[in-house]
Amino acid sequence: MLRFVVLCLTLTVVRAANENSPCVSGTWASTCPTSPAPYLINMNLELRDFIVAAHNARRNRLALGQLPGYQSARRMAFVRWNADLASRAELNVKQCIRKRDTCHGTARFPNSGQNIAYFAYDPALTDRTDQYLLRQAITNWWLEYKNANMGIINSFPHTWSGKSMSRFAVMAQERNLAVGCAASRFVKNNRNHFLVACNYAVKNTVGSPVYVTGPAGSGCQTGVNIDYHGLCKFAENYNI
């Protein structure tokens, strides 16, 4: 029987990058297989646009109040790609293991958030393209909305005893105006492996709202986005 395994991980505590940290070396970790050699997927324009659109479409639906159980958001940011966050994500996926890192912050985004997904599948499943697996990762993160509620949105908790919801929460954070992702592929134990990390402009802060509720776009100082009417325009400025 063919098996398809999906494991996800999210970072809950982050620190700004430390230039003395081993995770800035950029080399493949000793935990990676060597034959065949692991490799980074080519995060080309098509994949970057796909990732950005996948985030904005979901955030837009949430902001418009169209996600079951959630109220509309008054000032939800439009997400764009950030190369520095993507470069930091490369450092994570070069570990070839599910492992939280503390160096994904950048000079612009020192308190960044992070989502990680890990897939392992039989080589016979040849339809597992890069875009297919990226879609699966983003979908799985977002589906955690079923485990959250408006209480979490209004005030992000210090502890949480329910099912995982933090991956959804970082995607829903209103100030997350930037994302950068990377993914690696490698073979281990005769199975194909795909590890993806996405870094975000900010993480959620305990006691603060994930987003402020209100009529969609009513808090946007620059107006609403022409393509996503629940999101603010690209030029909207946020305190990060």
C-alpha atoms as a PDB file:
ATOM      1  CA  MET A   1       0.000   0.000   0.000  1.00  0.00           C
ATOM      2  CA  LEU A   2       1.230   3.444  -0.868  1.00  0.00           C
ATOM      3  CA  ARG A   3       1.518   5.780   2.062  1.00  0.00           C
ATOM      4  CA  PHE A   4       1.618   9.549   2.128  1.00  0.00           C
ATOM      5  CA  VAL A   5       2.739  11.101   5.399  1.00  0.00           C
ATOM      6  CA  VAL A   6       2.333  14.752   6.317  1.00  0.00           C
ATOM      7  CA  LEU A   7       3.869  16.251   9.424  1.00  0.00           C
ATOM      8  CA  CYS A   8       3.718  19.931  10.299  1.00  0.00           C
ATOM      9  CA  LEU A   9       5.481  22.154  12.789  1.00  0.00           C
ATOM     10  CA  THR A  10       5.222  25.788  13.721  1.00  0.00           C
ATOM     11  CA  LEU A  11       7.513  28.040  15.675  1.00  0.00           C
ATOM     12  CA  THR A  12       6.026  29.643  18.781  1.00  0.00           C
ATOM     13  CA  VAL A  13       9.048  31.477  20.172  1.00  0.00           C
ATOM     14  CA  VAL A  14      11.493  33.301  17.933  1.00  0.00           C
ATOM     15  CA  ARG A  15      14.507  35.541  18.301  1.00  0.00           C
ATOM     16  CA  ALA A  16      16.249  37.845  15.891  1.00  0.00           C
ATOM     17  CA  ALA A  17      19.059  36.349  13.852  1.00  0.00           C
ATOM     18  CA  ASN A  18      22.406  35.968  15.553  1.00  0.00           C
ATOM     19  CA  GLU A  19      25.271  36.163  13.105  1.00  0.00           C
ATOM     20  CA  ASN A  20      27.280  33.770  15.319  1.00  0.00           C
ATOM     21  CA  SER A  21      24.603  31.094  15.095  1.00  0.00           C
ATOM     22  CA  PRO A  22      25.483  27.913  13.162  1.00  0.00           C
ATOM     23  CA  CYS A  23      22.222  28.210  11.235  1.00  0.00           C
ATOM     24  CA  VAL A  24      23.609  31.078   9.168  1.00  0.00           C
ATOM     25  CA  SER A  25      26.364  28.915   7.670  1.00  0.00           C
ATOM     26  CA  GLY A  26      24.244  28.002   4.666  1.00  0.00           C
ATOM     27  CA  THR A  27      25.682  24.488   4.357  1.00  0.00           C
ATOM     28  CA  TRP A  28      23.714  21.262   4.378  1.00  0.00           C
ATOM     29  CA  ALA A  29      23.535  19.787   7.869  1.00  0.00           C
ATOM     30  CA  SER A  30      25.104  16.492   8.863  1.00  0.00           C
ATOM     31  CA  THR A  31      21.554  15.196   9.365  1.00  0.00           C
ATOM     32  CA  CYS A  32      21.036  15.276   5.581  1.00  0.00           C
ATOM     33  CA  PRO A  33      21.653  12.237   3.380  1.00  0.00           C
ATOM     34  CA  THR A  34      24.566  12.514   0.970  1.00  0.00           C
ATOM     35  CA  SER A  35      23.711  10.065  -1.805  1.00  0.00           C
ATOM     36  CA  PRO A  36      21.740  11.160  -3.644  1.00  0.00           C
ATOM     37  CA  ALA A  37      22.508  14.693  -2.514  1.00  0.00           C
ATOM     38  CA  PRO A  38      19.659  16.836  -1.165  1.00  0.00           C
ATOM     39  CA  TYR A  39      18.728  19.944  -3.076  1.00  0.00           C
ATOM     40  CA  LEU A  40      16.706  23.129  -2.759  1.00  0.00           C
ATOM     41  CA  ILE A  41      13.740  23.454  -5.064  1.00  0.00           C
ATOM     42  CA  ASN A  42      13.867  26.346  -7.503  1.00  0.00           C
ATOM     43  CA  MET A  43      11.542  28.900  -5.941  1.00  0.00           C
ATOM     44  CA  ASN A  44      10.886  30.535  -9.294  1.00  0.00           C
ATOM     45  CA  LEU A  45       8.466  33.357 -10.043  1.00  0.00           C
ATOM     46  CA  GLU A  46       5.611  30.952 -10.700  1.00  0.00           C
ATOM     47  CA  LEU A  47       5.971  29.296  -7.289  1.00  0.00           C
ATOM     48  CA  ARG A  48       6.510  32.609  -5.507  1.00  0.00           C
ATOM     49  CA  ASP A  49       3.364  34.034  -7.084  1.00  0.00           C
ATOM     50  CA  PHE A  50       1.473  30.866  -6.187  1.00  0.00           C
ATOM     51  CA  ILE A  51       2.489  31.076  -2.525  1.00  0.00           C
ATOM     52  CA  VAL A  52       1.632  34.771  -2.264  1.00  0.00           C
ATOM     53  CA  ALA A  53      -1.739  34.315  -3.967  1.00  0.00           C
ATOM     54  CA  ALA A  54      -2.563  31.301  -1.789  1.00  0.00           C
ATOM     55  CA  HIS A  55      -1.992  33.404   1.320  1.00  0.00           C
ATOM     56  CA  ASN A  56      -3.825  36.486   0.076  1.00  0.00           C
ATOM     57  CA  ALA A  57      -6.869  34.534  -1.107  1.00  0.00           C
ATOM     58  CA  ARG A  58      -7.280  32.903   2.297  1.00  0.00           C
ATOM     59  CA  ARG A  59      -6.618  36.125   4.219  1.00  0.00           C
ATOM     60  CA  ASN A  60      -9.106  37.943   2.014  1.00  0.00           C
ATOM     61  CA  ARG A  61     -11.827  35.407   2.696  1.00  0.00           C
ATOM     62  CA  LEU A  62     -11.140  35.682   6.420  1.00  0.00           C
ATOM     63  CA  ALA A  63     -11.094  39.487   6.354  1.00  0.00           C
ATOM     64  CA  LEU A  64     -14.433  39.582   4.538  1.00  0.00           C
ATOM     65  CA  GLY A  65     -16.005  37.469   7.268  1.00  0.00           C
ATOM     66  CA  GLN A  66     -16.496  34.511   4.926  1.00  0.00           C
ATOM     67  CA  LEU A  67     -14.595  31.954   7.009  1.00  0.00           C
ATOM     68  CA  PRO A  68     -17.078  30.033   9.195  1.00  0.00           C
ATOM     69  CA  GLY A  69     -16.880  31.086  12.829  1.00  0.00           C
ATOM     70  CA  TYR A  70     -14.784  34.206  12.245  1.00  0.00           C
ATOM     71  CA  GLN A  71     -15.655  37.886  12.159  1.00  0.00           C
ATOM     72  CA  SER A  72     -14.384  40.289   9.516  1.00  0.00           C
ATOM     73  CA  ALA A  73     -11.077  42.157   9.887  1.00  0.00           C
ATOM     74  CA  ARG A  74     -10.818  45.919   9.632  1.00  0.00           C
ATOM     75  CA  ARG A  75      -7.142  46.205   8.576  1.00  0.00           C
ATOM     76  CA  MET A  76      -5.744  42.983   7.130  1.00  0.00           C
ATOM     77  CA  ALA A  77      -2.446  43.407   5.267  1.00  0.00           C
ATOM     78  CA  PHE A  78      -1.817  42.354   1.693  1.00  0.00           C
ATOM     79  CA  VAL A  79       1.015  39.796   1.623  1.00  0.00           C
ATOM     80  CA  ARG A  80       3.993  40.145  -0.688  1.00  0.00           C
ATOM     81  CA  TRP A  81       7.160  38.060  -1.181  1.00  0.00           C
ATOM     82  CA  ASN A  82      10.279  38.891   0.802  1.00  0.00           C
ATOM     83  CA  ALA A  83      13.625  37.534  -0.387  1.00  0.00           C
ATOM     84  CA  ASP A  84      15.348  37.901   2.990  1.00  0.00           C
ATOM     85  CA  LEU A  85      12.697  35.836   4.756  1.00  0.00           C
ATOM     86  CA  ALA A  86      13.025  33.244   1.987  1.00  0.00           C
ATOM     87  CA  SER A  87      16.807  33.120   2.421  1.00  0.00           C
ATOM     88  CA  ARG A  88      16.360  32.457   6.125  1.00  0.00           C
ATOM     89  CA  ALA A  89      13.878  29.706   5.284  1.00  0.00           C
ATOM     90  CA  GLU A  90      16.570  28.028   3.184  1.00  0.00           C
ATOM     91  CA  LEU A  91      18.707  27.663   6.303  1.00  0.00           C
ATOM     92  CA  ASN A  92      15.927  25.735   7.995  1.00  0.00           C
ATOM     93  CA  VAL A  93      15.216  23.280   5.192  1.00  0.00           C
ATOM     94  CA  LYS A  94      18.936  22.542   4.794  1.00  0.00           C
ATOM     95  CA  GLN A  95      18.676  20.665   8.099  1.00  0.00           C
ATOM     96  CA  CYS A  96      16.634  17.893   6.408  1.00  0.00           C
ATOM     97  CA  ILE A  97      14.725  17.377   9.663  1.00  0.00           C
ATOM     98  CA  ARG A  98      11.718  18.951  11.340  1.00  0.00           C
ATOM     99  CA  LYS A  99      13.458  21.324  13.680  1.00  0.00           C
ATOM    100  CA  ARG A 100      12.609  24.742  14.993  1.00  0.00           C
ATOM    101  CA  ASP A 101      15.195  27.423  14.416  1.00  0.00           C
ATOM    102  CA  THR A 102      15.794  30.723  16.160  1.00  0.00           C
ATOM    103  CA  CYS A 103      17.530  32.583  13.361  1.00  0.00           C
ATOM    104  CA  HIS A 104      14.782  33.295  10.845  1.00  0.00           C
ATOM    105  CA  GLY A 105      14.436  36.925  11.868  1.00  0.00           C
ATOM    106  CA  THR A 106      15.874  39.604   9.582  1.00  0.00           C
ATOM    107  CA  ALA A 107      16.921  43.219  10.042  1.00  0.00           C
ATOM    108  CA  ARG A 108      13.543  44.327   8.665  1.00  0.00           C
ATOM    109  CA  PHE A 109      11.538  41.628  10.449  1.00  0.00           C
ATOM    110  CA  PRO A 110      13.350  40.708  13.697  1.00  0.00           C
ATOM    111  CA  ASN A 111      10.278  39.087  15.282  1.00  0.00           C
ATOM    112  CA  SER A 112       9.247  36.923  12.370  1.00  0.00           C
ATOM    113  CA  GLY A 113       6.885  33.976  12.520  1.00  0.00           C
ATOM    114  CA  GLN A 114       7.452  30.574  10.961  1.00  0.00           C
ATOM    115  CA  ASN A 115       5.482  27.609   9.653  1.00  0.00           C
ATOM    116  CA  ILE A 116       7.057  24.288   8.707  1.00  0.00           C
ATOM    117  CA  ALA A 117       5.645  21.254   6.899  1.00  0.00           C
ATOM    118  CA  TYR A 118       7.258  17.897   6.190  1.00  0.00           C
ATOM    119  CA  PHE A 119       6.121  15.307   3.673  1.00  0.00           C
ATOM    120  CA  ALA A 120       7.388  11.765   3.157  1.00  0.00           C
ATOM    121  CA  TYR A 121       5.982   9.587   0.406  1.00  0.00           C
ATOM    122  CA  ASP A 122       6.683   6.560  -1.742  1.00  0.00           C
ATOM    123  CA  PRO A 123       8.588   7.207  -4.992  1.00  0.00           C
ATOM    124  CA  ALA A 124       5.685   5.713  -6.958  1.00  0.00           C
ATOM    125  CA  LEU A 125       3.612   8.821  -6.181  1.00  0.00           C
ATOM    126  CA  THR A 126       4.997  10.790  -9.107  1.00  0.00           C
ATOM    127  CA  ASP A 127       2.301  13.489  -8.995  1.00  0.00           C
ATOM    128  CA  ARG A 128       3.869  15.100  -5.897  1.00  0.00           C
ATOM    129  CA  THR A 129       5.179  18.154  -7.742  1.00  0.00           C
ATOM    130  CA  ASP A 130       6.642  21.144  -5.930  1.00  0.00           C
ATOM    131  CA  GLN A 131       3.455  23.149  -6.391  1.00  0.00           C
ATOM    132  CA  TYR A 132       1.284  20.231  -5.296  1.00  0.00           C
ATOM    133  CA  LEU A 133       3.187  19.861  -2.035  1.00  0.00           C
ATOM    134  CA  LEU A 134       3.334  23.605  -1.387  1.00  0.00           C
ATOM    135  CA  ARG A 135      -0.436  23.720  -1.838  1.00  0.00           C
ATOM    136  CA  GLN A 136      -0.835  20.850   0.609  1.00  0.00           C
ATOM    137  CA  ALA A 137       1.330  22.599   3.193  1.00  0.00           C
ATOM    138  CA  ILE A 138      -0.532  25.911   2.974  1.00  0.00           C
ATOM    139  CA  THR A 139      -3.903  24.150   3.003  1.00  0.00           C
ATOM    140  CA  ASN A 140      -3.007  22.075   6.058  1.00  0.00           C
ATOM    141  CA  TRP A 141      -1.795  25.137   7.959  1.00  0.00           C
ATOM    142  CA  TRP A 142      -4.940  27.082   7.147  1.00  0.00           C
ATOM    143  CA  LEU A 143      -7.285  24.228   8.068  1.00  0.00           C
ATOM    144  CA  GLU A 144      -6.235  24.706  11.668  1.00  0.00           C
ATOM    145  CA  TYR A 145      -8.856  27.465  11.749  1.00  0.00           C
ATOM    146  CA  LYS A 146     -11.203  24.647  12.749  1.00  0.00           C
ATOM    147  CA  ASN A 147      -9.255  24.332  16.017  1.00  0.00           C
ATOM    148  CA  ALA A 148      -9.284  28.054  16.839  1.00  0.00           C
ATOM    149  CA  ASN A 149     -12.015  30.555  17.674  1.00  0.00           C
ATOM    150  CA  MET A 150     -12.657  34.270  18.049  1.00  0.00           C
ATOM    151  CA  GLY A 151     -11.357  34.171  21.615  1.00  0.00           C
ATOM    152  CA  ILE A 152      -7.914  33.329  20.226  1.00  0.00           C
ATOM    153  CA  ILE A 153      -8.273  35.988  17.535  1.00  0.00           C
ATOM    154  CA  ASN A 154      -9.154  38.676  20.075  1.00  0.00           C
ATOM    155  CA  SER A 155      -6.308  37.787  22.451  1.00  0.00           C
ATOM    156  CA  PHE A 156      -3.624  35.290  21.502  1.00  0.00           C
ATOM    157  CA  PRO A 157      -3.181  32.886  24.453  1.00  0.00           C
ATOM    158  CA  HIS A 158      -0.033  32.148  26.427  1.00  0.00           C
ATOM    159  CA  THR A 159      -0.949  28.467  26.602  1.00  0.00           C
ATOM    160  CA  TRP A 160      -3.353  26.375  24.600  1.00  0.00           C
ATOM    161  CA  SER A 161      -4.539  22.865  25.472  1.00  0.00           C
ATOM    162  CA  GLY A 162      -6.613  22.285  22.358  1.00  0.00           C
ATOM    163  CA  LYS A 163      -5.624  21.002  18.951  1.00  0.00           C
ATOM    164  CA  SER A 164      -2.946  22.913  17.070  1.00  0.00           C
ATOM    165  CA  MET A 165      -4.059  26.290  15.742  1.00  0.00           C
ATOM    166  CA  SER A 166      -0.878  28.393  15.671  1.00  0.00           C
ATOM    167  CA  ARG A 167      -0.082  27.725  12.019  1.00  0.00           C
ATOM    168  CA  PHE A 168      -3.418  29.209  11.036  1.00  0.00           C
ATOM    169  CA  ALA A 169      -2.965  32.049  13.505  1.00  0.00           C
ATOM    170  CA  VAL A 170       0.316  33.229  11.999  1.00  0.00           C
ATOM    171  CA  MET A 171      -1.206  33.140   8.520  1.00  0.00           C
ATOM    172  CA  ALA A 172      -4.131  35.185   9.847  1.00  0.00           C
ATOM    173  CA  GLN A 173      -2.025  37.788  11.688  1.00  0.00           C
ATOM    174  CA  GLU A 174      -3.196  41.138  10.313  1.00  0.00           C
ATOM    175  CA  ARG A 175       0.294  42.691  10.170  1.00  0.00           C
ATOM    176  CA  ASN A 176       1.839  39.853   8.194  1.00  0.00           C
ATOM    177  CA  LEU A 177       2.590  41.833   5.077  1.00  0.00           C
ATOM    178  CA  ALA A 178       5.467  39.599   3.940  1.00  0.00           C
ATOM    179  CA  VAL A 179       6.261  35.924   3.461  1.00  0.00           C
ATOM    180  CA  GLY A 180       9.319  34.066   2.214  1.00  0.00           C
ATOM    181  CA  CYS A 181       9.528  30.309   1.761  1.00  0.00           C
ATOM    182  CA  ALA A 182      12.019  27.618   0.826  1.00  0.00           C
ATOM    183  CA  ALA A 183      11.830  23.865   0.361  1.00  0.00           C
ATOM    184  CA  SER A 184      14.263  20.994   0.047  1.00  0.00           C
ATOM    185  CA  ARG A 185      13.982  17.530  -1.430  1.00  0.00           C
ATOM    186  CA  PHE A 186      15.947  14.464  -0.387  1.00  0.00           C
ATOM    187  CA  VAL A 187      15.709  10.680  -0.280  1.00  0.00           C
ATOM    188  CA  LYS A 188      15.914   8.797   2.993  1.00  0.00           C
ATOM    189  CA  ASN A 189      15.004   5.189   3.793  1.00  0.00           C
ATOM    190  CA  ASN A 190      13.895   4.695   0.182  1.00  0.00           C
ATOM    191  CA  ARG A 191      11.257   7.403   0.486  1.00  0.00           C
ATOM    192  CA  ASN A 192      11.037  10.850  -1.041  1.00  0.00           C
ATOM    193  CA  HIS A 193      11.064  13.724   1.435  1.00  0.00           C
ATOM    194  CA  PHE A 194       9.934  17.330   1.008  1.00  0.00           C
ATOM    195  CA  LEU A 195      10.588  19.891   3.736  1.00  0.00           C
ATOM    196  CA  VAL A 196       9.140  23.392   3.451  1.00  0.00           C
ATOM    197  CA  ALA A 197       9.505  26.433   5.701  1.00  0.00           C
ATOM    198  CA  CYS A 198       7.690  29.744   5.344  1.00  0.00           C
ATOM    199  CA  ASN A 199       8.787  32.767   7.351  1.00  0.00           C
ATOM    200  CA  TYR A 200       6.450  35.674   8.046  1.00  0.00           C
ATOM    201  CA  ALA A 201       6.930  39.337   8.891  1.00  0.00           C
ATOM    202  CA  VAL A 202       5.734  38.917  12.480  1.00  0.00           C
ATOM    203  CA  LYS A 203       4.662  36.303  14.992  1.00  0.00           C
ATOM    204  CA  ASN A 204       1.609  36.579  17.208  1.00  0.00           C
ATOM    205  CA  THR A 205       2.060  38.276  20.566  1.00  0.00           C
ATOM    206  CA  VAL A 206       0.521  36.833  23.714  1.00  0.00           C
ATOM    207  CA  GLY A 207      -2.375  38.981  24.902  1.00  0.00           C
ATOM    208  CA  SER A 208      -2.670  40.883  21.622  1.00  0.00           C
ATOM    209  CA  PRO A 209      -5.223  40.289  18.866  1.00  0.00           C
ATOM    210  CA  VAL A 210      -4.390  38.238  15.809  1.00  0.00           C
ATOM    211  CA  TYR A 211      -6.483  40.825  14.009  1.00  0.00           C
ATOM    212  CA  VAL A 212      -8.859  43.586  15.047  1.00  0.00           C
ATOM    213  CA  THR A 213     -12.455  42.962  14.061  1.00  0.00           C
ATOM    214  CA  GLY A 214     -14.656  45.426  12.229  1.00  0.00           C
ATOM    215  CA  PRO A 215     -16.092  46.060   8.775  1.00  0.00           C
ATOM    216  CA  ALA A 216     -13.656  44.653   6.208  1.00  0.00           C
ATOM    217  CA  GLY A 217     -11.105  47.233   5.127  1.00  0.00           C
ATOM    218  CA  SER A 218     -12.586  49.979   7.281  1.00  0.00           C
ATOM    219  CA  GLY A 219      -9.253  50.552   9.025  1.00  0.00           C
ATOM    220  CA  CYS A 220      -7.129  50.668   5.866  1.00  0.00           C
ATOM    221  CA  GLN A 221      -5.534  54.109   5.740  1.00  0.00           C
ATOM    222  CA  THR A 222      -4.626  53.754   2.059  1.00  0.00           C
ATOM    223  CA  GLY A 223      -7.858  52.090   0.977  1.00  0.00           C
ATOM    224  CA  VAL A 224      -8.639  48.505   0.029  1.00  0.00           C
ATOM    225  CA  ASN A 225      -6.775  46.366  -2.456  1.00  0.00           C
ATOM    226  CA  ILE A 226      -8.205  46.382  -5.972  1.00  0.00           C
ATOM    227  CA  ASP A 227      -8.000  42.582  -6.289  1.00  0.00           C
ATOM    228  CA  TYR A 228      -8.677  41.553  -2.684  1.00  0.00           C
ATOM    229  CA  HIS A 229     -11.401  43.790  -1.310  1.00  0.00           C
ATOM    230  CA  GLY A 230     -10.930  42.536   2.228  1.00  0.00           C
ATOM    231  CA  LEU A 231      -7.240  43.478   2.310  1.00  0.00           C
ATOM    232  CA  CYS A 232      -5.520  46.833   2.479  1.00  0.00           C
ATOM    233  CA  LYS A 233      -3.547  48.262  -0.418  1.00  0.00           C
ATOM    234  CA  PHE A 234       0.078  47.291  -0.983  1.00  0.00           C
ATOM    235  CA  ALA A 235       1.285  50.662   0.340  1.00  0.00           C
ATOM    236  CA  GLU A 236      -0.393  50.298   3.745  1.00  0.00           C
ATOM    237  CA  ASN A 237       2.122  50.925   6.524  1.00  0.00           C
ATOM    238  CA  TYR A 238       2.180  48.719   9.625  1.00  0.00           C
ATOM    239  CA  ASN A 239       4.055  49.034  12.899  1.00  0.00           C
ATOM    240  CA  ILE A 240       6.459  46.078  12.816  1.00  0.00           C
END
